[in-house]
């Protein structure tokens, strides 16, 4: 991994997918979803649920899925000015996989995207 070439995410071609379709892929057949999406550069479209900053002051954007509490979680490389909850947005980045929630507490997990950039916002 340390010797792999650095991926040019910003200028790379992407695999287009909606937030709902990506999330459903991981929750329906995670093994298949891993082979299709993990470590690939995706362009994901969906509705903004929440925008925040993490402890490293990186912008985090959550896109809604069709599962209450399940999100697509993007760590942005560049902050986006004023992405508002409810707006439709397309972001691109590297899919790092799905981390499950807590089944006993009925908490779903999230799909995580790293090194993300804005493609479009409506």
C-alpha atoms as a PDB file:
ATOM      1  CA  UNK A   1       0.000   0.000   0.000  1.00  0.00           C
ATOM      2  CA  UNK A   2       2.822   2.430   0.827  1.00  0.00           C
ATOM      3  CA  UNK A   3       4.381   1.884  -2.589  1.00  0.00           C
ATOM      4  CA  UNK A   4       1.227   2.261  -4.667  1.00  0.00           C
ATOM      5  CA  UNK A   5       1.090   5.365  -6.866  1.00  0.00           C
ATOM      6  CA  UNK A   6      -0.904   8.316  -5.574  1.00  0.00           C
ATOM      7  CA  UNK A   7      -4.368   8.419  -7.179  1.00  0.00           C
ATOM      8  CA  UNK A   8      -5.394  11.672  -8.862  1.00  0.00           C
ATOM      9  CA  UNK A   9      -8.937  11.740  -7.492  1.00  0.00           C
ATOM     10  CA  UNK A  10      -9.812  15.232  -8.684  1.00  0.00           C
ATOM     11  CA  UNK A  11      -9.060  14.516 -12.350  1.00  0.00           C
ATOM     12  CA  UNK A  12      -9.948  10.814 -12.412  1.00  0.00           C
ATOM     13  CA  UNK A  13     -12.739   9.073 -14.255  1.00  0.00           C
ATOM     14  CA  UNK A  14     -15.375   7.761 -11.884  1.00  0.00           C
ATOM     15  CA  UNK A  15     -17.968   5.065 -11.421  1.00  0.00           C
ATOM     16  CA  UNK A  16     -21.303   6.913 -11.134  1.00  0.00           C
ATOM     17  CA  UNK A  17     -23.765   5.700  -8.488  1.00  0.00           C
ATOM     18  CA  UNK A  18     -26.516   7.155  -6.312  1.00  0.00           C
ATOM     19  CA  UNK A  19     -26.184   7.244  -2.540  1.00  0.00           C
ATOM     20  CA  UNK A  20     -29.140   4.857  -2.177  1.00  0.00           C
ATOM     21  CA  UNK A  21     -27.793   2.334  -4.705  1.00  0.00           C
ATOM     22  CA  UNK A  22     -24.328   2.294  -3.109  1.00  0.00           C
ATOM     23  CA  UNK A  23     -25.730   1.847   0.388  1.00  0.00           C
ATOM     24  CA  UNK A  24     -28.114  -0.892  -0.755  1.00  0.00           C
ATOM     25  CA  UNK A  25     -25.231  -2.733  -2.440  1.00  0.00           C
ATOM     26  CA  UNK A  26     -23.302  -2.895   0.824  1.00  0.00           C
ATOM     27  CA  UNK A  27     -26.263  -3.876   2.977  1.00  0.00           C
ATOM     28  CA  UNK A  28     -27.606  -6.481   0.521  1.00  0.00           C
ATOM     29  CA  UNK A  29     -24.343  -8.205  -0.552  1.00  0.00           C
ATOM     30  CA  UNK A  30     -21.285  -6.648   1.084  1.00  0.00           C
ATOM     31  CA  UNK A  31     -18.819  -9.112  -0.470  1.00  0.00           C
ATOM     32  CA  UNK A  32     -19.971  -8.218  -3.979  1.00  0.00           C
ATOM     33  CA  UNK A  33     -20.056  -4.491  -3.158  1.00  0.00           C
ATOM     34  CA  UNK A  34     -16.448  -4.665  -1.926  1.00  0.00           C
ATOM     35  CA  UNK A  35     -15.276  -6.079  -5.262  1.00  0.00           C
ATOM     36  CA  UNK A  36     -17.187  -3.452  -7.237  1.00  0.00           C
ATOM     37  CA  UNK A  37     -16.604  -0.294  -5.176  1.00  0.00           C
ATOM     38  CA  UNK A  38     -13.823  -0.474  -2.571  1.00  0.00           C
ATOM     39  CA  UNK A  39     -10.673   1.468  -3.400  1.00  0.00           C
ATOM     40  CA  UNK A  40     -12.365   2.744  -6.560  1.00  0.00           C
ATOM     41  CA  UNK A  41     -13.100   6.378  -7.379  1.00  0.00           C
ATOM     42  CA  UNK A  42     -16.854   6.930  -7.319  1.00  0.00           C
ATOM     43  CA  UNK A  43     -19.094   9.875  -8.214  1.00  0.00           C
ATOM     44  CA  UNK A  44     -22.036   9.689  -5.810  1.00  0.00           C
ATOM     45  CA  UNK A  45     -25.198  11.742  -6.138  1.00  0.00           C
ATOM     46  CA  UNK A  46     -27.695  12.315  -3.370  1.00  0.00           C
ATOM     47  CA  UNK A  47     -29.341  14.633  -0.880  1.00  0.00           C
ATOM     48  CA  UNK A  48     -27.211  16.373   1.741  1.00  0.00           C
ATOM     49  CA  UNK A  49     -28.216  15.319   5.246  1.00  0.00           C
ATOM     50  CA  UNK A  50     -25.571  17.077   7.350  1.00  0.00           C
ATOM     51  CA  UNK A  51     -22.383  19.132   7.054  1.00  0.00           C
ATOM     52  CA  UNK A  52     -19.815  19.347   9.872  1.00  0.00           C
ATOM     53  CA  UNK A  53     -16.089  19.533  10.642  1.00  0.00           C
ATOM     54  CA  UNK A  54     -14.076  16.714  12.201  1.00  0.00           C
ATOM     55  CA  UNK A  55     -11.277  17.107  14.775  1.00  0.00           C
ATOM     56  CA  UNK A  56      -8.745  17.716  11.975  1.00  0.00           C
ATOM     57  CA  UNK A  57     -10.952  20.601  10.737  1.00  0.00           C
ATOM     58  CA  UNK A  58     -11.852  18.637   7.583  1.00  0.00           C
ATOM     59  CA  UNK A  59     -15.344  19.102   6.197  1.00  0.00           C
ATOM     60  CA  UNK A  60     -17.572  16.024   6.544  1.00  0.00           C
ATOM     61  CA  UNK A  61     -20.668  15.727   4.357  1.00  0.00           C
ATOM     62  CA  UNK A  62     -23.313  13.061   4.923  1.00  0.00           C
ATOM     63  CA  UNK A  63     -25.628  12.044   2.100  1.00  0.00           C
ATOM     64  CA  UNK A  64     -28.975  10.450   2.896  1.00  0.00           C
ATOM     65  CA  UNK A  65     -29.808   6.890   1.941  1.00  0.00           C
ATOM     66  CA  UNK A  66     -33.108   5.035   2.003  1.00  0.00           C
ATOM     67  CA  UNK A  67     -32.188   3.632   5.450  1.00  0.00           C
ATOM     68  CA  UNK A  68     -32.946   5.908   8.402  1.00  0.00           C
ATOM     69  CA  UNK A  69     -29.626   6.636  10.111  1.00  0.00           C
ATOM     70  CA  UNK A  70     -27.540   5.052   7.324  1.00  0.00           C
ATOM     71  CA  UNK A  71     -25.372   7.531   5.408  1.00  0.00           C
ATOM     72  CA  UNK A  72     -22.659   7.948   2.850  1.00  0.00           C
ATOM     73  CA  UNK A  73     -19.907   9.736   4.796  1.00  0.00           C
ATOM     74  CA  UNK A  74     -17.502  11.970   2.789  1.00  0.00           C
ATOM     75  CA  UNK A  75     -14.254  13.443   4.119  1.00  0.00           C
ATOM     76  CA  UNK A  76     -13.562  16.404   1.857  1.00  0.00           C
ATOM     77  CA  UNK A  77     -10.161  17.476   0.552  1.00  0.00           C
ATOM     78  CA  UNK A  78     -11.465  21.006  -0.045  1.00  0.00           C
ATOM     79  CA  UNK A  79     -14.242  22.684   1.909  1.00  0.00           C
ATOM     80  CA  UNK A  80     -17.377  23.505  -0.061  1.00  0.00           C
ATOM     81  CA  UNK A  81     -18.967  26.883   0.643  1.00  0.00           C
ATOM     82  CA  UNK A  82     -22.459  26.524   2.066  1.00  0.00           C
ATOM     83  CA  UNK A  83     -23.662  23.056   1.078  1.00  0.00           C
ATOM     84  CA  UNK A  84     -27.130  23.106   2.599  1.00  0.00           C
ATOM     85  CA  UNK A  85     -29.027  20.117   3.983  1.00  0.00           C
ATOM     86  CA  UNK A  86     -31.660  19.117   1.450  1.00  0.00           C
ATOM     87  CA  UNK A  87     -29.652  20.177  -1.595  1.00  0.00           C
ATOM     88  CA  UNK A  88     -28.800  17.624  -4.280  1.00  0.00           C
ATOM     89  CA  UNK A  89     -25.065  17.191  -4.732  1.00  0.00           C
ATOM     90  CA  UNK A  90     -22.568  14.969  -6.528  1.00  0.00           C
ATOM     91  CA  UNK A  91     -19.256  14.247  -4.823  1.00  0.00           C
ATOM     92  CA  UNK A  92     -16.348  12.106  -5.945  1.00  0.00           C
ATOM     93  CA  UNK A  93     -13.790  10.253  -3.870  1.00  0.00           C
ATOM     94  CA  UNK A  94     -12.289   6.895  -2.983  1.00  0.00           C
ATOM     95  CA  UNK A  95     -14.610   4.361  -1.385  1.00  0.00           C
ATOM     96  CA  UNK A  96     -12.993   2.960   1.748  1.00  0.00           C
ATOM     97  CA  UNK A  97     -15.885   0.617   2.553  1.00  0.00           C
ATOM     98  CA  UNK A  98     -18.799   0.030   4.874  1.00  0.00           C
ATOM     99  CA  UNK A  99     -18.548   0.052   8.643  1.00  0.00           C
ATOM    100  CA  UNK A 100     -21.559  -1.553  10.269  1.00  0.00           C
ATOM    101  CA  UNK A 101     -23.418  -0.005  13.142  1.00  0.00           C
ATOM    102  CA  UNK A 102     -24.836  -1.850  16.139  1.00  0.00           C
ATOM    103  CA  UNK A 103     -27.483  -4.422  15.202  1.00  0.00           C
ATOM    104  CA  UNK A 104     -28.618  -4.891  18.809  1.00  0.00           C
ATOM    105  CA  UNK A 105     -29.334  -1.170  19.106  1.00  0.00           C
ATOM    106  CA  UNK A 106     -30.770  -1.093  15.565  1.00  0.00           C
ATOM    107  CA  UNK A 107     -28.155   1.436  14.435  1.00  0.00           C
ATOM    108  CA  UNK A 108     -27.165   1.115  10.771  1.00  0.00           C
ATOM    109  CA  UNK A 109     -23.627   1.692   9.551  1.00  0.00           C
ATOM    110  CA  UNK A 110     -22.153   4.123   7.029  1.00  0.00           C
ATOM    111  CA  UNK A 111     -20.285   3.828   3.736  1.00  0.00           C
ATOM    112  CA  UNK A 112     -17.103   5.909   3.957  1.00  0.00           C
ATOM    113  CA  UNK A 113     -15.523   7.984   1.208  1.00  0.00           C
ATOM    114  CA  UNK A 114     -12.081   9.621   1.501  1.00  0.00           C
ATOM    115  CA  UNK A 115     -10.161  12.292  -0.460  1.00  0.00           C
ATOM    116  CA  UNK A 116     -13.427  13.759  -1.761  1.00  0.00           C
ATOM    117  CA  UNK A 117     -14.177  16.648  -4.110  1.00  0.00           C
ATOM    118  CA  UNK A 118     -17.281  18.442  -5.341  1.00  0.00           C
ATOM    119  CA  UNK A 119     -18.538  17.514  -8.813  1.00  0.00           C
ATOM    120  CA  UNK A 120     -21.805  19.485  -8.842  1.00  0.00           C
ATOM    121  CA  UNK A 121     -24.394  21.022  -6.532  1.00  0.00           C
ATOM    122  CA  UNK A 122     -28.010  21.975  -7.266  1.00  0.00           C
END
